[in-house]
Protein backbone atom coordinates (compact mmCIF):
# COMPACT_ATOMS: atom_id res chain seq x y z
CA MET A 1 -1.96 12.75 79.13
CA ASP A 2 -4.92 15.05 78.66
CA SER A 3 -3.35 17.27 76.42
CA ASP A 4 -2.19 14.36 74.33
CA ILE A 5 -5.44 12.90 74.15
CA HIS A 6 -6.83 15.83 72.27
CA THR A 7 -4.10 15.74 69.67
CA TRP A 8 -4.58 11.98 69.25
CA TYR A 9 -7.95 12.63 68.68
CA ASP A 10 -7.85 15.31 66.03
CA ALA A 11 -5.43 13.31 63.93
CA ALA A 12 -7.50 10.67 63.86
CA ILE A 13 -10.60 12.55 62.98
CA GLU A 14 -8.52 14.06 60.03
CA ILE A 15 -7.21 11.03 58.82
CA ALA A 16 -10.24 8.95 59.11
CA ARG A 17 -12.11 11.99 56.87
CA ARG A 18 -9.45 11.75 54.26
CA ALA A 19 -9.18 7.59 54.10
CA GLY A 20 -13.09 7.52 53.95
CA ALA A 21 -12.83 10.16 50.76
CA VAL A 22 -10.24 7.36 49.13
CA ALA A 23 -12.76 4.28 50.34
CA LEU A 24 -15.98 6.32 48.86
CA GLU A 25 -14.01 6.58 45.41
CA GLY A 26 -13.21 2.73 45.32
CA TYR A 27 -16.95 2.07 46.91
CA ASN A 28 -18.52 3.57 43.73
CA LYS A 29 -16.15 1.74 40.89
CA GLU A 30 -15.47 -1.69 39.99
CA LYS A 31 -13.36 -3.72 42.42
CA HIS A 32 -10.73 -6.76 42.53
CA VAL A 33 -11.77 -8.85 45.28
CA GLU A 34 -9.76 -11.25 46.72
CA LEU A 35 -10.55 -14.24 49.64
CA LYS A 36 -8.36 -14.24 52.55
CA GLY A 37 -9.61 -17.24 53.76
CA SER A 38 -13.35 -18.23 53.57
CA SER A 39 -15.77 -16.84 50.95
CA ALA A 40 -16.72 -14.46 53.44
CA ASP A 41 -13.55 -13.36 54.41
CA LEU A 42 -12.82 -10.57 51.75
CA VAL A 43 -10.26 -7.91 50.78
CA THR A 44 -9.79 -5.12 48.02
CA GLU A 45 -7.36 -3.01 46.75
CA THR A 46 -8.88 -0.20 48.53
CA ASP A 47 -8.30 -1.83 51.72
CA LYS A 48 -4.71 -1.84 51.58
CA GLN A 49 -4.79 1.53 49.64
CA VAL A 50 -6.28 2.69 52.57
CA GLU A 51 -4.33 1.15 55.68
CA ASP A 52 -1.40 2.47 54.04
CA MET A 53 -2.53 5.81 53.82
CA ILE A 54 -3.73 6.01 57.40
CA ARG A 55 -0.68 4.11 58.43
CA ALA A 56 1.94 6.59 56.92
CA TYR A 57 0.37 9.39 57.84
CA LEU A 58 0.11 8.39 61.90
CA LYS A 59 3.99 7.35 61.62
CA GLU A 60 4.57 10.92 60.51
CA LYS A 61 2.90 12.56 63.30
CA PHE A 62 3.63 9.61 65.97
CA PRO A 63 6.65 8.40 64.89
CA SER A 64 7.17 6.38 68.42
CA HIS A 65 3.59 5.05 68.55
CA SER A 66 2.90 1.55 67.34
CA PHE A 67 0.43 0.29 64.75
CA ILE A 68 -1.06 -2.98 64.45
CA GLY A 69 -3.50 -2.62 61.13
CA GLU A 70 -6.13 -5.52 59.37
CA GLU A 71 -3.98 -5.73 56.46
CA THR A 72 -0.41 -5.07 56.88
CA VAL A 73 0.68 -5.60 60.44
CA LYS A 74 -1.86 -7.65 61.97
CA ASP A 75 0.50 -9.88 63.64
CA ALA A 76 1.81 -6.75 65.78
CA LYS A 77 1.87 -7.15 69.40
CA LEU A 78 -0.12 -4.41 72.00
CA SER A 79 2.36 -3.36 74.31
CA ASP A 80 1.40 -0.85 76.94
CA GLU A 81 2.94 2.08 74.46
CA PRO A 82 0.34 4.06 72.16
CA THR A 83 -0.46 1.85 69.86
CA TRP A 84 -3.19 2.84 66.92
CA MET A 85 -5.37 -0.22 65.93
CA VAL A 86 -6.90 -0.09 62.24
CA ASP A 87 -9.19 -1.56 60.25
CA PRO A 88 -9.36 0.22 56.78
CA ILE A 89 -12.75 -0.69 55.77
CA ASP A 90 -14.78 -2.44 58.27
CA GLY A 91 -17.71 -4.32 57.06
CA THR A 92 -15.73 -5.51 53.49
CA SER A 93 -18.43 -7.50 51.85
CA ASN A 94 -20.94 -4.77 52.68
CA PHE A 95 -18.32 -2.81 50.38
CA VAL A 96 -18.46 -5.24 47.77
CA HIS A 97 -21.97 -5.31 47.37
CA ARG A 98 -22.69 -1.87 47.94
CA PHE A 99 -24.62 -2.04 50.95
CA PRO A 100 -23.98 0.67 52.92
CA PHE A 101 -22.64 -0.04 56.44
CA SER A 102 -18.92 0.14 56.18
CA ALA A 103 -16.61 2.36 58.07
CA VAL A 104 -12.71 3.26 58.71
CA SER A 105 -12.26 2.66 62.05
CA ILE A 106 -9.43 4.40 64.06
CA GLY A 107 -8.61 3.39 67.52
CA LEU A 108 -5.60 4.20 70.34
CA ALA A 109 -4.60 2.16 73.05
CA VAL A 110 -2.28 3.76 75.94
CA LYS A 111 -1.29 0.80 78.15
CA LYS A 112 -3.70 -1.56 76.60
CA GLN A 113 -6.60 0.12 76.75
CA PRO A 114 -8.76 2.48 74.24
CA VAL A 115 -8.40 5.97 74.98
CA VAL A 116 -9.13 7.46 71.19
CA GLY A 117 -11.77 6.17 69.02
CA VAL A 118 -12.93 7.27 65.29
CA VAL A 119 -15.17 5.19 63.17
CA TYR A 120 -16.41 7.05 60.07
CA ASN A 121 -19.22 5.58 57.57
CA PHE A 122 -17.92 7.26 54.67
CA ILE A 123 -20.98 6.14 52.36
CA LEU A 124 -23.92 7.89 55.05
CA ASP A 125 -21.25 10.57 56.00
CA GLN A 126 -21.66 9.50 59.44
CA LEU A 127 -18.47 10.20 61.77
CA TYR A 128 -18.71 8.35 65.47
CA SER A 129 -15.87 9.84 67.65
CA ALA A 130 -14.78 9.99 71.36
CA LYS A 131 -11.56 10.24 73.47
CA LYS A 132 -11.32 9.56 76.82
CA GLY A 133 -13.51 11.73 79.64
CA HIS A 134 -15.07 13.84 77.01
CA GLY A 135 -18.02 12.14 76.20
CA ALA A 136 -18.74 10.76 72.36
CA THR A 137 -20.19 12.38 69.30
CA LEU A 138 -21.91 11.66 66.02
CA ASN A 139 -20.98 14.13 63.60
CA GLY A 140 -19.71 16.62 66.37
CA LYS A 141 -23.07 16.42 68.23
CA PRO A 142 -23.90 14.53 71.61
CA ILE A 143 -24.42 10.99 71.54
CA HIS A 144 -25.86 8.78 74.25
CA VAL A 145 -26.82 5.20 74.47
CA SER A 146 -30.78 4.20 75.03
CA GLY A 147 -30.22 2.92 78.94
CA CYS A 148 -32.51 0.38 78.10
CA THR A 149 -32.59 -2.35 80.87
CA ASP A 150 -34.54 -5.37 79.84
CA ILE A 151 -34.24 -7.80 76.65
CA PRO A 152 -38.13 -7.52 75.97
CA GLN A 153 -37.85 -3.90 74.94
CA SER A 154 -34.34 -3.90 73.29
CA LEU A 155 -33.11 -4.32 70.09
CA ILE A 156 -30.08 -6.44 69.90
CA ILE A 157 -27.53 -6.49 66.78
CA SER A 158 -24.85 -9.16 65.94
CA CYS A 159 -22.79 -10.55 62.84
CA LEU A 160 -22.13 -14.07 61.70
CA GLY A 161 -18.58 -13.29 61.12
CA TYR A 162 -16.32 -14.87 58.29
CA SER A 163 -15.90 -18.33 60.25
CA ARG A 164 -18.44 -20.34 58.94
CA GLY A 165 -17.47 -23.73 60.48
CA LYS A 166 -20.60 -25.53 61.22
CA GLN A 167 -20.67 -26.01 64.72
CA GLU A 168 -19.87 -22.40 65.08
CA MET A 169 -22.78 -21.60 62.95
CA ARG A 170 -25.10 -23.29 64.92
CA LYS A 171 -24.20 -21.57 67.84
CA LYS A 172 -24.87 -18.58 66.35
CA MET A 173 -28.38 -19.26 65.05
CA ASP A 174 -28.92 -20.76 68.35
CA THR A 175 -28.28 -17.54 70.29
CA ALA A 176 -30.20 -15.44 67.94
CA TYR A 177 -32.94 -18.01 68.76
CA ASN A 178 -32.73 -17.87 72.44
CA LEU A 179 -32.93 -13.83 72.77
CA THR A 180 -35.61 -13.82 70.40
CA VAL A 181 -38.14 -16.16 71.33
CA ALA A 182 -40.05 -16.48 74.75
CA PRO A 183 -38.89 -15.74 77.82
CA ALA A 184 -36.02 -13.39 76.20
CA SER A 185 -38.40 -12.07 73.43
CA ALA A 186 -36.14 -8.76 72.14
CA HIS A 187 -37.83 -6.74 69.70
CA GLY A 188 -35.90 -7.51 66.81
CA PHE A 189 -32.40 -9.07 66.12
CA ARG A 190 -30.18 -7.47 63.44
CA CYS A 191 -26.97 -8.19 61.42
CA ILE A 192 -25.14 -5.49 59.37
CA GLY A 193 -22.04 -6.71 58.39
CA SER A 194 -19.79 -4.11 60.54
CA ALA A 195 -18.74 -5.18 64.45
CA ALA A 196 -17.51 -0.79 64.65
CA LEU A 197 -20.81 0.40 62.88
CA GLY A 198 -23.09 -2.00 65.02
CA MET A 199 -21.53 -0.78 68.43
CA CYS A 200 -21.54 2.71 67.12
CA MET A 201 -25.29 1.90 66.70
CA VAL A 202 -25.54 0.83 70.82
CA ALA A 203 -23.66 4.27 71.33
CA CYS A 204 -26.18 6.55 69.90
CA GLY A 205 -29.16 4.57 71.06
CA SER A 206 -30.14 3.25 67.78
CA ALA A 207 -29.74 -0.06 69.33
CA ASP A 208 -29.81 -1.60 72.62
CA ALA A 209 -27.02 -4.05 72.82
CA TYR A 210 -23.96 -6.00 70.09
CA PHE A 211 -22.48 -9.11 70.34
CA GLU A 212 -20.13 -10.81 68.39
CA TYR A 213 -17.24 -13.58 68.83
CA GLY A 214 -14.15 -14.17 66.37
CA ILE A 215 -13.67 -10.19 66.11
CA HIS A 216 -9.79 -8.60 66.13
CA CYS A 217 -8.78 -5.40 68.32
CA TRP A 218 -8.76 -3.89 64.95
CA ASP A 219 -12.63 -4.38 64.81
CA ILE A 220 -13.68 -2.99 68.15
CA ALA A 221 -11.02 -0.59 69.78
CA ALA A 222 -12.41 2.75 68.22
CA ALA A 223 -15.92 1.32 68.79
CA ASP A 224 -15.77 0.62 72.36
CA VAL A 225 -14.41 4.14 73.63
CA ILE A 226 -17.62 5.43 71.74
CA VAL A 227 -19.74 3.23 73.36
CA ARG A 228 -18.38 3.70 76.95
CA GLU A 229 -17.98 7.76 76.20
CA ALA A 230 -21.79 7.40 75.37
CA GLY A 231 -22.74 5.86 78.41
CA GLY A 232 -22.62 2.90 77.44
CA VAL A 233 -20.71 -0.95 79.21
CA THR A 234 -18.65 -2.98 77.07
CA MET A 235 -16.95 -6.59 78.25
CA TYR A 236 -16.65 -9.88 77.07
CA PRO A 237 -19.54 -11.81 76.08
CA THR A 238 -19.38 -14.23 79.54
CA GLY A 239 -19.30 -10.72 81.20
CA GLU A 240 -15.84 -10.48 82.08
CA PRO A 241 -14.03 -7.22 81.21
CA LEU A 242 -13.56 -6.40 77.92
CA ASP A 243 -10.04 -7.55 76.56
CA VAL A 244 -9.67 -6.36 72.99
CA MET A 245 -7.45 -9.06 72.21
CA LYS A 246 -9.80 -11.95 73.41
CA ARG A 247 -12.04 -11.84 70.06
CA GLY A 248 -15.37 -11.35 71.89
CA VAL A 249 -17.21 -8.38 72.66
CA LEU A 250 -20.40 -7.52 73.94
CA CYS A 251 -21.56 -3.91 74.29
CA ALA A 252 -25.06 -2.59 75.66
CA GLY A 253 -26.71 0.53 76.92
CA SER A 254 -27.13 -0.09 80.26
CA ASN A 255 -25.46 -3.21 82.46
CA GLN A 256 -28.56 -4.52 83.50
CA LEU A 257 -29.43 -5.17 79.96
CA ALA A 258 -25.48 -6.89 79.19
CA GLN A 259 -26.11 -9.00 82.23
CA GLN A 260 -29.47 -10.16 80.92
CA VAL A 261 -28.14 -11.19 77.33
CA CYS A 262 -24.98 -12.78 78.94
CA PRO A 263 -26.79 -16.13 79.93
CA HIS A 264 -28.64 -16.53 76.43
CA ILE A 265 -25.47 -16.20 73.98
CA GLU A 266 -24.02 -19.93 72.95
CA HIS A 267 -20.48 -18.91 73.67
CA LEU A 268 -17.64 -20.18 71.21
CA GLN A 269 -13.77 -20.02 71.76
CA TYR A 270 -11.08 -18.79 69.33
CA PRO A 271 -7.09 -18.18 69.76
CA TYR A 272 -6.39 -15.18 71.93
CA ASP A 273 -4.63 -12.75 69.74
CA GLN A 274 -0.74 -12.03 70.95
CA THR A 275 -0.02 -9.28 73.20
CA ASP A 276 3.60 -9.58 74.27
């Protein structure tokens, strides 16, 4: 697989940059915004345009590969075959409001395990990338997690997500409280509105842990590879092994920190995404 992984990786970077250029044009102009579900679950014409562009490119390059995209084929099933998982604009609400944390996220899984990941913040021109066994980079330069091992020395990121039920929101707020008051007393707790970029902040050492419930595979598949290749750990928020279809993620700069964070999270349950 090693020779293939280089080809897949190079293709992911090429189309991420092309797609990012299109997304940046959309970022700087007036947008047509639609609601997919709640008032926080938005989609624009640029999301759809970018996903169509990425899907067409990957289909031409790798006709035997499967594709799961947020906007067009989100009900596709994950198998053991090479499967691309794409969020054309992770952080659409940020994109709509011109808050500069949105990214093209392109991940590739083989045998249901992510092996290639590219996350491109096209607004700040920051391209995070990784391929299994070859480390992680930001704009071509190696990156590494912080290695932080204790909550009181950590900066933690999460996201409220777009599901805004009262019980869910209470648990999310309670988790923030648990992590920021004594005895946990994290240095800080941040929400930036993009799972992919939040995880990449952990990968490059700018933050020490990220967790979220309610996400989908296209939100985290690419960043999962990037965090692991930067020396970090990824798992389900309860501490179980990560399954990208299970709709929850916790990543950290060390396993010690991840295990400390787990008990402070008020856990949520979401329907399992289809895999067979």
